[in-house]
Amino acid sequence: MTTQLAEALEGYPLYSQDGKGKEAVCRAVFALGAVRWFILEGNREDNDVILFGIVVGLMEDEYGYVSLNELSDVELDLSAQGLGQSGAKPPVARSCG
């Protein structure tokens, strides 16, 4: 976990924003092509970080959990379009509002 992500999640452990609905605060954003993971909270667990947020830009927008290790393995293969492969970009710690 980067220092930037650790600072963004400080004070926002899992379930800390439960029930806030639209008042929940986005703590970090991961981007891959047109797909965005808006991270609301997270906890370090052993050698990983479990994150909760919403993913936008796939077949359906969806709230759920993702591990940082899992997210770092996501790749987009655009070789057929002549663009090669791309991985998820590092998080941008910022408010979603």
PDB file of N, CA and C in Angstrom:
ATOM      1  N   MET A   1       0.855  -1.170   0.000  1.00  0.00           N
ATOM      2  CA  MET A   1       0.000   0.000   0.000  1.00  0.00           C
ATOM      3  C   MET A   1       0.898   1.229   0.000  1.00  0.00           C
ATOM      4  N   THR A   2       0.553   2.178  -0.847  1.00  0.00           N
ATOM      5  CA  THR A   2       1.330   3.412  -0.904  1.00  0.00           C
ATOM      6  C   THR A   2       1.017   4.285   0.309  1.00  0.00           C
ATOM      7  N   THR A   3       1.917   5.193   0.597  1.00  0.00           N
ATOM      8  CA  THR A   3       1.699   6.152   1.681  1.00  0.00           C
ATOM      9  C   THR A   3       0.458   6.979   1.400  1.00  0.00           C
ATOM     10  N   GLN A   4       0.273   7.352   0.142  1.00  0.00           N
ATOM     11  CA  GLN A   4      -0.885   8.160  -0.260  1.00  0.00           C
ATOM     12  C   GLN A   4      -2.197   7.431   0.034  1.00  0.00           C
ATOM     13  N   LEU A   5      -2.258   6.138  -0.299  1.00  0.00           N
ATOM     14  CA  LEU A   5      -3.479   5.379  -0.029  1.00  0.00           C
ATOM     15  C   LEU A   5      -3.677   5.190   1.472  1.00  0.00           C
ATOM     16  N   ALA A   6      -2.611   4.910   2.198  1.00  0.00           N
ATOM     17  CA  ALA A   6      -2.709   4.754   3.654  1.00  0.00           C
ATOM     18  C   ALA A   6      -3.263   6.021   4.297  1.00  0.00           C
ATOM     19  N   GLU A   7      -2.772   7.172   3.865  1.00  0.00           N
ATOM     20  CA  GLU A   7      -3.261   8.448   4.399  1.00  0.00           C
ATOM     21  C   GLU A   7      -4.726   8.672   4.028  1.00  0.00           C
ATOM     22  N   ALA A   8      -5.104   8.303   2.799  1.00  0.00           N
ATOM     23  CA  ALA A   8      -6.487   8.494   2.350  1.00  0.00           C
ATOM     24  C   ALA A   8      -7.460   7.631   3.147  1.00  0.00           C
ATOM     25  N   LEU A   9      -7.032   6.437   3.537  1.00  0.00           N
ATOM     26  CA  LEU A   9      -7.908   5.516   4.263  1.00  0.00           C
ATOM     27  C   LEU A   9      -7.890   5.728   5.771  1.00  0.00           C
ATOM     28  N   GLU A  10      -6.961   6.540   6.256  1.00  0.00           N
ATOM     29  CA  GLU A  10      -6.868   6.799   7.691  1.00  0.00           C
ATOM     30  C   GLU A  10      -8.191   7.361   8.202  1.00  0.00           C
ATOM     31  N   GLY A  11      -8.753   6.706   9.198  1.00  0.00           N
ATOM     32  CA  GLY A  11     -10.033   7.141   9.752  1.00  0.00           C
ATOM     33  C   GLY A  11     -11.233   6.596   8.986  1.00  0.00           C
ATOM     34  N   TYR A  12     -10.968   5.757   7.974  1.00  0.00           N
ATOM     35  CA  TYR A  12     -12.052   5.173   7.173  1.00  0.00           C
ATOM     36  C   TYR A  12     -11.892   3.659   7.075  1.00  0.00           C
ATOM     37  N   PRO A  13     -11.933   2.947   8.230  1.00  0.00           N
ATOM     38  CA  PRO A  13     -11.844   1.486   8.185  1.00  0.00           C
ATOM     39  C   PRO A  13     -13.132   0.907   7.583  1.00  0.00           C
ATOM     40  N   LEU A  14     -13.087  -0.375   7.241  1.00  0.00           N
ATOM     41  CA  LEU A  14     -14.284  -1.024   6.702  1.00  0.00           C
ATOM     42  C   LEU A  14     -15.481  -0.795   7.620  1.00  0.00           C
ATOM     43  N   TYR A  15     -16.623  -0.566   7.041  1.00  0.00           N
ATOM     44  CA  TYR A  15     -17.915  -0.348   7.700  1.00  0.00           C
ATOM     45  C   TYR A  15     -18.045   1.017   8.363  1.00  0.00           C
ATOM     46  N   SER A  16     -17.042   1.875   8.270  1.00  0.00           N
ATOM     47  CA  SER A  16     -17.117   3.186   8.921  1.00  0.00           C
ATOM     48  C   SER A  16     -18.114   4.120   8.247  1.00  0.00           C
ATOM     49  N   GLN A  17     -18.448   3.861   6.988  1.00  0.00           N
ATOM     50  CA  GLN A  17     -19.404   4.723   6.292  1.00  0.00           C
ATOM     51  C   GLN A  17     -20.722   3.999   6.007  1.00  0.00           C
ATOM     52  N   ASP A  18     -20.879   2.844   6.645  1.00  0.00           N
ATOM     53  CA  ASP A  18     -22.089   2.040   6.456  1.00  0.00           C
ATOM     54  C   ASP A  18     -23.324   2.867   6.792  1.00  0.00           C
ATOM     55  N   GLY A  19     -24.292   2.874   5.905  1.00  0.00           N
ATOM     56  CA  GLY A  19     -25.542   3.598   6.124  1.00  0.00           C
ATOM     57  C   GLY A  19     -25.519   5.051   5.709  1.00  0.00           C
ATOM     58  N   LYS A  20     -24.389   5.567   5.235  1.00  0.00           N
ATOM     59  CA  LYS A  20     -24.307   6.977   4.853  1.00  0.00           C
ATOM     60  C   LYS A  20     -24.889   7.273   3.471  1.00  0.00           C
ATOM     61  N   GLY A  21     -25.073   6.230   2.660  1.00  0.00           N
ATOM     62  CA  GLY A  21     -25.647   6.434   1.327  1.00  0.00           C
ATOM     63  C   GLY A  21     -24.853   7.447   0.519  1.00  0.00           C
ATOM     64  N   LYS A  22     -25.544   8.437  -0.011  1.00  0.00           N
ATOM     65  CA  LYS A  22     -24.900   9.450  -0.864  1.00  0.00           C
ATOM     66  C   LYS A  22     -23.983  10.387  -0.088  1.00  0.00           C
ATOM     67  N   GLU A  23     -24.017  10.305   1.230  1.00  0.00           N
ATOM     68  CA  GLU A  23     -23.149  11.137   2.063  1.00  0.00           C
ATOM     69  C   GLU A  23     -21.775  10.493   2.283  1.00  0.00           C
ATOM     70  N   ALA A  24     -21.594   9.247   1.831  1.00  0.00           N
ATOM     71  CA  ALA A  24     -20.298   8.573   1.977  1.00  0.00           C
ATOM     72  C   ALA A  24     -19.235   9.352   1.204  1.00  0.00           C
ATOM     73  N   VAL A  25     -18.036   9.376   1.747  1.00  0.00           N
ATOM     74  CA  VAL A  25     -16.933  10.147   1.165  1.00  0.00           C
ATOM     75  C   VAL A  25     -15.987   9.214   0.418  1.00  0.00           C
ATOM     76  N   CYS A  26     -15.723   9.532  -0.826  1.00  0.00           N
ATOM     77  CA  CYS A  26     -14.755   8.773  -1.618  1.00  0.00           C
ATOM     78  C   CYS A  26     -13.357   9.115  -1.125  1.00  0.00           C
ATOM     79  N   ARG A  27     -12.531   8.090  -0.876  1.00  0.00           N
ATOM     80  CA  ARG A  27     -11.195   8.308  -0.345  1.00  0.00           C
ATOM     81  C   ARG A  27     -10.098   8.133  -1.380  1.00  0.00           C
ATOM     82  N   ALA A  28     -10.354   7.341  -2.444  1.00  0.00           N
ATOM     83  CA  ALA A  28      -9.344   7.105  -3.476  1.00  0.00           C
ATOM     84  C   ALA A  28     -10.043   6.625  -4.742  1.00  0.00           C
ATOM     85  N   VAL A  29      -9.369   6.808  -5.874  1.00  0.00           N
ATOM     86  CA  VAL A  29      -9.909   6.365  -7.152  1.00  0.00           C
ATOM     87  C   VAL A  29      -8.824   5.592  -7.897  1.00  0.00           C
ATOM     88  N   PHE A  30      -9.181   4.398  -8.372  1.00  0.00           N
ATOM     89  CA  PHE A  30      -8.307   3.638  -9.261  1.00  0.00           C
ATOM     90  C   PHE A  30      -8.930   3.710 -10.644  1.00  0.00           C
ATOM     91  N   ALA A  31      -8.116   3.871 -11.671  1.00  0.00           N
ATOM     92  CA  ALA A  31      -8.626   3.996 -13.038  1.00  0.00           C
ATOM     93  C   ALA A  31      -7.946   2.989 -13.953  1.00  0.00           C
ATOM     94  N   LEU A  32      -8.737   2.424 -14.854  1.00  0.00           N
ATOM     95  CA  LEU A  32      -8.225   1.536 -15.886  1.00  0.00           C
ATOM     96  C   LEU A  32      -9.116   1.736 -17.106  1.00  0.00           C
ATOM     97  N   GLY A  33      -8.618   2.431 -18.119  1.00  0.00           N
ATOM     98  CA  GLY A  33      -9.452   2.780 -19.270  1.00  0.00           C
ATOM     99  C   GLY A  33     -10.629   3.609 -18.792  1.00  0.00           C
ATOM    100  N   ALA A  34     -11.828   3.187 -19.167  1.00  0.00           N
ATOM    101  CA  ALA A  34     -13.042   3.903 -18.757  1.00  0.00           C
ATOM    102  C   ALA A  34     -13.606   3.380 -17.439  1.00  0.00           C
ATOM    103  N   VAL A  35     -12.940   2.398 -16.830  1.00  0.00           N
ATOM    104  CA  VAL A  35     -13.417   1.804 -15.581  1.00  0.00           C
ATOM    105  C   VAL A  35     -12.800   2.554 -14.404  1.00  0.00           C
ATOM    106  N   ARG A  36     -13.631   2.840 -13.390  1.00  0.00           N
ATOM    107  CA  ARG A  36     -13.171   3.538 -12.186  1.00  0.00           C
ATOM    108  C   ARG A  36     -13.640   2.770 -10.960  1.00  0.00           C
ATOM    109  N   TRP A  37     -12.718   2.588 -10.019  1.00  0.00           N
ATOM    110  CA  TRP A  37     -13.052   2.032  -8.709  1.00  0.00           C
ATOM    111  C   TRP A  37     -12.993   3.195  -7.729  1.00  0.00           C
ATOM    112  N   PHE A  38     -14.128   3.599  -7.182  1.00  0.00           N
ATOM    113  CA  PHE A  38     -14.204   4.663  -6.194  1.00  0.00           C
ATOM    114  C   PHE A  38     -14.176   3.992  -4.822  1.00  0.00           C
ATOM    115  N   ILE A  39     -13.086   4.175  -4.106  1.00  0.00           N
ATOM    116  CA  ILE A  39     -12.858   3.493  -2.833  1.00  0.00           C
ATOM    117  C   ILE A  39     -13.370   4.355  -1.683  1.00  0.00           C
ATOM    118  N   LEU A  40     -14.221   3.742  -0.854  1.00  0.00           N
ATOM    119  CA  LEU A  40     -14.820   4.454   0.268  1.00  0.00           C
ATOM    120  C   LEU A  40     -14.137   4.165   1.597  1.00  0.00           C
ATOM    121  N   GLU A  41     -13.596   2.951   1.757  1.00  0.00           N
ATOM    122  CA  GLU A  41     -12.980   2.566   3.027  1.00  0.00           C
ATOM    123  C   GLU A  41     -12.131   1.321   2.828  1.00  0.00           C
ATOM    124  N   GLY A  42     -11.299   1.017   3.807  1.00  0.00           N
ATOM    125  CA  GLY A  42     -10.457  -0.166   3.679  1.00  0.00           C
ATOM    126  C   GLY A  42      -9.689  -0.492   4.943  1.00  0.00           C
ATOM    127  N   ASN A  43      -9.244  -1.763   5.032  1.00  0.00           N
ATOM    128  CA  ASN A  43      -8.452  -2.261   6.163  1.00  0.00           C
ATOM    129  C   ASN A  43      -7.277  -3.064   5.653  1.00  0.00           C
ATOM    130  N   ARG A  44      -6.138  -2.921   6.322  1.00  0.00           N
ATOM    131  CA  ARG A  44      -4.994  -3.781   6.045  1.00  0.00           C
ATOM    132  C   ARG A  44      -5.262  -5.139   6.690  1.00  0.00           C
ATOM    133  N   GLU A  45      -5.025  -6.204   5.923  1.00  0.00           N
ATOM    134  CA  GLU A  45      -5.167  -7.570   6.433  1.00  0.00           C
ATOM    135  C   GLU A  45      -3.973  -8.375   5.953  1.00  0.00           C
ATOM    136  N   ASP A  46      -3.105  -8.743   6.875  1.00  0.00           N
ATOM    137  CA  ASP A  46      -1.875  -9.484   6.567  1.00  0.00           C
ATOM    138  C   ASP A  46      -1.070  -8.723   5.513  1.00  0.00           C
ATOM    139  N   ASN A  47      -0.823  -9.334   4.353  1.00  0.00           N
ATOM    140  CA  ASN A  47      -0.015  -8.672   3.312  1.00  0.00           C
ATOM    141  C   ASN A  47      -0.892  -8.083   2.217  1.00  0.00           C
ATOM    142  N   ASP A  48      -2.122  -7.685   2.567  1.00  0.00           N
ATOM    143  CA  ASP A  48      -3.056  -7.148   1.590  1.00  0.00           C
ATOM    144  C   ASP A  48      -3.883  -6.041   2.252  1.00  0.00           C
ATOM    145  N   VAL A  49      -4.683  -5.373   1.442  1.00  0.00           N
ATOM    146  CA  VAL A  49      -5.616  -4.367   1.936  1.00  0.00           C
ATOM    147  C   VAL A  49      -6.972  -4.693   1.321  1.00  0.00           C
ATOM    148  N   ILE A  50      -7.998  -4.819   2.155  1.00  0.00           N
ATOM    149  CA  ILE A  50      -9.347  -5.066   1.673  1.00  0.00           C
ATOM    150  C   ILE A  50     -10.047  -3.714   1.566  1.00  0.00           C
ATOM    151  N   LEU A  51     -10.562  -3.442   0.376  1.00  0.00           N
ATOM    152  CA  LEU A  51     -11.189  -2.158   0.075  1.00  0.00           C
ATOM    153  C   LEU A  51     -12.674  -2.353  -0.192  1.00  0.00           C
ATOM    154  N   PHE A  52     -13.469  -1.331   0.107  1.00  0.00           N
ATOM    155  CA  PHE A  52     -14.882  -1.335  -0.243  1.00  0.00           C
ATOM    156  C   PHE A  52     -15.178  -0.079  -1.032  1.00  0.00           C
ATOM    157  N   GLY A  53     -15.946  -0.246  -2.099  1.00  0.00           N
ATOM    158  CA  GLY A  53     -16.309   0.907  -2.906  1.00  0.00           C
ATOM    159  C   GLY A  53     -17.261   0.530  -4.015  1.00  0.00           C
ATOM    160  N   ILE A  54     -17.298   1.367  -5.038  1.00  0.00           N
ATOM    161  CA  ILE A  54     -18.158   1.134  -6.186  1.00  0.00           C
ATOM    162  C   ILE A  54     -17.296   1.134  -7.436  1.00  0.00           C
ATOM    163  N   VAL A  55     -17.552   0.182  -8.320  1.00  0.00           N
ATOM    164  CA  VAL A  55     -16.864   0.137  -9.609  1.00  0.00           C
ATOM    165  C   VAL A  55     -17.862   0.615 -10.656  1.00  0.00           C
ATOM    166  N   VAL A  56     -17.400   1.520 -11.515  1.00  0.00           N
ATOM    167  CA  VAL A  56     -18.233   2.115 -12.558  1.00  0.00           C
ATOM    168  C   VAL A  56     -17.535   1.908 -13.891  1.00  0.00           C
ATOM    169  N   GLY A  57     -18.313   1.523 -14.907  1.00  0.00           N
ATOM    170  CA  GLY A  57     -17.746   1.399 -16.236  1.00  0.00           C
ATOM    171  C   GLY A  57     -17.652  -0.021 -16.749  1.00  0.00           C
ATOM    172  N   LEU A  58     -18.067  -0.987 -15.927  1.00  0.00           N
ATOM    173  CA  LEU A  58     -18.151  -2.369 -16.394  1.00  0.00           C
ATOM    174  C   LEU A  58     -19.566  -2.588 -16.916  1.00  0.00           C
ATOM    175  N   MET A  59     -19.975  -3.815 -17.068  1.00  0.00           N
ATOM    176  CA  MET A  59     -21.327  -4.100 -17.573  1.00  0.00           C
ATOM    177  C   MET A  59     -22.385  -3.436 -16.678  1.00  0.00           C
ATOM    178  N   GLU A  60     -22.163  -3.475 -15.369  1.00  0.00           N
ATOM    179  CA  GLU A  60     -23.066  -2.829 -14.410  1.00  0.00           C
ATOM    180  C   GLU A  60     -22.224  -2.148 -13.340  1.00  0.00           C
ATOM    181  N   ASP A  61     -22.708  -1.026 -12.819  1.00  0.00           N
ATOM    182  CA  ASP A  61     -22.052  -0.399 -11.677  1.00  0.00           C
ATOM    183  C   ASP A  61     -22.358  -1.266 -10.458  1.00  0.00           C
ATOM    184  N   GLU A  62     -21.369  -1.410  -9.579  1.00  0.00           N
ATOM    185  CA  GLU A  62     -21.562  -2.344  -8.478  1.00  0.00           C
ATOM    186  C   GLU A  62     -20.767  -1.943  -7.252  1.00  0.00           C
ATOM    187  N   TYR A  63     -21.419  -1.993  -6.080  1.00  0.00           N
ATOM    188  CA  TYR A  63     -20.734  -1.842  -4.804  1.00  0.00           C
ATOM    189  C   TYR A  63     -20.167  -3.189  -4.413  1.00  0.00           C
ATOM    190  N   GLY A  64     -19.000  -3.192  -3.772  1.00  0.00           N
ATOM    191  CA  GLY A  64     -18.455  -4.448  -3.309  1.00  0.00           C
ATOM    192  C   GLY A  64     -17.049  -4.311  -2.759  1.00  0.00           C
ATOM    193  N   TYR A  65     -16.482  -5.454  -2.420  1.00  0.00           N
ATOM    194  CA  TYR A  65     -15.147  -5.532  -1.844  1.00  0.00           C
ATOM    195  C   TYR A  65     -14.150  -5.977  -2.903  1.00  0.00           C
ATOM    196  N   VAL A  66     -12.935  -5.470  -2.811  1.00  0.00           N
ATOM    197  CA  VAL A  66     -11.844  -5.894  -3.683  1.00  0.00           C
ATOM    198  C   VAL A  66     -10.558  -5.791  -2.865  1.00  0.00           C
ATOM    199  N   SER A  67      -9.659  -6.730  -3.079  1.00  0.00           N
ATOM    200  CA  SER A  67      -8.376  -6.634  -2.388  1.00  0.00           C
ATOM    201  C   SER A  67      -7.422  -5.813  -3.249  1.00  0.00           C
ATOM    202  N   LEU A  68      -6.501  -5.141  -2.599  1.00  0.00           N
ATOM    203  CA  LEU A  68      -5.526  -4.335  -3.331  1.00  0.00           C
ATOM    204  C   LEU A  68      -4.659  -5.228  -4.212  1.00  0.00           C
ATOM    205  N   ASN A  69      -4.296  -6.414  -3.718  1.00  0.00           N
ATOM    206  CA  ASN A  69      -3.510  -7.350  -4.535  1.00  0.00           C
ATOM    207  C   ASN A  69      -4.283  -7.760  -5.781  1.00  0.00           C
ATOM    208  N   GLU A  70      -5.567  -8.032  -5.618  1.00  0.00           N
ATOM    209  CA  GLU A  70      -6.428  -8.404  -6.737  1.00  0.00           C
ATOM    210  C   GLU A  70      -6.518  -7.254  -7.748  1.00  0.00           C
ATOM    211  N   LEU A  71      -6.716  -6.059  -7.243  1.00  0.00           N
ATOM    212  CA  LEU A  71      -6.844  -4.885  -8.113  1.00  0.00           C
ATOM    213  C   LEU A  71      -5.548  -4.610  -8.874  1.00  0.00           C
ATOM    214  N   SER A  72      -4.420  -4.851  -8.242  1.00  0.00           N
ATOM    215  CA  SER A  72      -3.141  -4.585  -8.906  1.00  0.00           C
ATOM    216  C   SER A  72      -2.867  -5.572 -10.038  1.00  0.00           C
ATOM    217  N   ASP A  73      -3.592  -6.705 -10.061  1.00  0.00           N
ATOM    218  CA  ASP A  73      -3.433  -7.696 -11.126  1.00  0.00           C
ATOM    219  C   ASP A  73      -4.361  -7.471 -12.317  1.00  0.00           C
ATOM    220  N   VAL A  74      -5.275  -6.516 -12.221  1.00  0.00           N
ATOM    221  CA  VAL A  74      -6.229  -6.262 -13.302  1.00  0.00           C
ATOM    222  C   VAL A  74      -5.497  -5.640 -14.488  1.00  0.00           C
ATOM    223  N   GLU A  75      -5.750  -6.186 -15.676  1.00  0.00           N
ATOM    224  CA  GLU A  75      -5.159  -5.650 -16.903  1.00  0.00           C
ATOM    225  C   GLU A  75      -6.230  -5.499 -17.962  1.00  0.00           C
ATOM    226  N   LEU A  76      -6.031  -4.545 -18.829  1.00  0.00           N
ATOM    227  CA  LEU A  76      -6.910  -4.320 -19.964  1.00  0.00           C
ATOM    228  C   LEU A  76      -6.087  -4.580 -21.215  1.00  0.00           C
ATOM    229  N   ASP A  77      -6.508  -5.542 -22.027  1.00  0.00           N
ATOM    230  CA  ASP A  77      -5.766  -5.908 -23.232  1.00  0.00           C
ATOM    231  C   ASP A  77      -6.413  -5.251 -24.450  1.00  0.00           C
ATOM    232  N   LEU A  78      -5.760  -4.234 -24.964  1.00  0.00           N
ATOM    233  CA  LEU A  78      -6.235  -3.527 -26.156  1.00  0.00           C
ATOM    234  C   LEU A  78      -5.291  -3.755 -27.325  1.00  0.00           C
ATOM    235  N   SER A  79      -4.616  -4.911 -27.314  1.00  0.00           N
ATOM    236  CA  SER A  79      -3.674  -5.229 -28.385  1.00  0.00           C
ATOM    237  C   SER A  79      -4.362  -5.247 -29.741  1.00  0.00           C
ATOM    238  N   ALA A  80      -5.590  -5.746 -29.793  1.00  0.00           N
ATOM    239  CA  ALA A  80      -6.326  -5.811 -31.055  1.00  0.00           C
ATOM    240  C   ALA A  80      -6.573  -4.415 -31.627  1.00  0.00           C
ATOM    241  N   GLN A  81      -6.594  -3.406 -30.754  1.00  0.00           N
ATOM    242  CA  GLN A  81      -6.791  -2.022 -31.200  1.00  0.00           C
ATOM    243  C   GLN A  81      -5.456  -1.304 -31.387  1.00  0.00           C
ATOM    244  N   GLY A  82      -4.361  -2.048 -31.238  1.00  0.00           N
ATOM    245  CA  GLY A  82      -3.036  -1.460 -31.409  1.00  0.00           C
ATOM    246  C   GLY A  82      -2.555  -0.647 -30.229  1.00  0.00           C
ATOM    247  N   LEU A  83      -3.185  -0.831 -29.066  1.00  0.00           N
ATOM    248  CA  LEU A  83      -2.839  -0.026 -27.893  1.00  0.00           C
ATOM    249  C   LEU A  83      -2.095  -0.804 -26.819  1.00  0.00           C
ATOM    250  N   GLY A  84      -1.919  -2.105 -26.975  1.00  0.00           N
ATOM    251  CA  GLY A  84      -1.192  -2.910 -25.999  1.00  0.00           C
ATOM    252  C   GLY A  84      -1.999  -3.198 -24.761  1.00  0.00           C
ATOM    253  N   GLN A  85      -1.289  -3.462 -23.650  1.00  0.00           N
ATOM    254  CA  GLN A  85      -1.941  -3.781 -22.381  1.00  0.00           C
ATOM    255  C   GLN A  85      -1.716  -2.657 -21.383  1.00  0.00           C
ATOM    256  N   SER A  86      -2.660  -2.533 -20.467  1.00  0.00           N
ATOM    257  CA  SER A  86      -2.580  -1.489 -19.460  1.00  0.00           C
ATOM    258  C   SER A  86      -3.060  -2.053 -18.139  1.00  0.00           C
ATOM    259  N   GLY A  87      -2.429  -1.635 -17.035  1.00  0.00           N
ATOM    260  CA  GLY A  87      -2.848  -2.044 -15.699  1.00  0.00           C
ATOM    261  C   GLY A  87      -3.507  -0.895 -14.978  1.00  0.00           C
ATOM    262  N   ALA A  88      -4.145  -1.199 -13.851  1.00  0.00           N
ATOM    263  CA  ALA A  88      -4.802  -0.160 -13.061  1.00  0.00           C
ATOM    264  C   ALA A  88      -3.774   0.866 -12.602  1.00  0.00           C
ATOM    265  N   LYS A  89      -4.114   2.118 -12.709  1.00  0.00           N
ATOM    266  CA  LYS A  89      -3.216   3.205 -12.288  1.00  0.00           C
ATOM    267  C   LYS A  89      -3.250   3.326 -10.777  1.00  0.00           C
ATOM    268  N   PRO A  90      -2.181   3.869 -10.185  1.00  0.00           N
ATOM    269  CA  PRO A  90      -2.166   4.056  -8.725  1.00  0.00           C
ATOM    270  C   PRO A  90      -3.337   4.925  -8.302  1.00  0.00           C
ATOM    271  N   PRO A  91      -3.774   4.773  -7.061  1.00  0.00           N
ATOM    272  CA  PRO A  91      -4.929   5.533  -6.596  1.00  0.00           C
ATOM    273  C   PRO A  91      -4.649   7.023  -6.536  1.00  0.00           C
ATOM    274  N   VAL A  92      -5.687   7.772  -6.815  1.00  0.00           N
ATOM    275  CA  VAL A  92      -5.633   9.211  -6.653  1.00  0.00           C
ATOM    276  C   VAL A  92      -6.494   9.508  -5.436  1.00  0.00           C
ATOM    277  N   ALA A  93      -5.865   9.877  -4.341  1.00  0.00           N
ATOM    278  CA  ALA A  93      -6.606  10.133  -3.103  1.00  0.00           C
ATOM    279  C   ALA A  93      -7.264  11.493  -3.193  1.00  0.00           C
ATOM    280  N   ARG A  94      -8.563  11.479  -3.383  1.00  0.00           N
ATOM    281  CA  ARG A  94      -9.287  12.738  -3.474  1.00  0.00           C
ATOM    282  C   ARG A  94     -10.750  12.489  -3.157  1.00  0.00           C
ATOM    283  N   SER A  95     -11.466  13.514  -2.860  1.00  0.00           N
ATOM    284  CA  SER A  95     -12.888  13.419  -2.611  1.00  0.00           C
ATOM    285  C   SER A  95     -13.620  13.207  -3.924  1.00  0.00           C
ATOM    286  N   CYS A  96     -14.692  12.445  -3.873  1.00  0.00           N
ATOM    287  CA  CYS A  96     -15.490  12.225  -5.083  1.00  0.00           C
ATOM    288  C   CYS A  96     -16.404  13.394  -5.356  1.00  0.00           C
ATOM    289  N   GLY A  97     -16.615  14.246  -4.374  1.00  0.00           N
ATOM    290  CA  GLY A  97     -17.571  15.345  -4.507  1.00  0.00           C
ATOM    291  C   GLY A  97     -16.998  16.422  -5.300  1.00  0.00           C
TER     292      GLY A  97
END
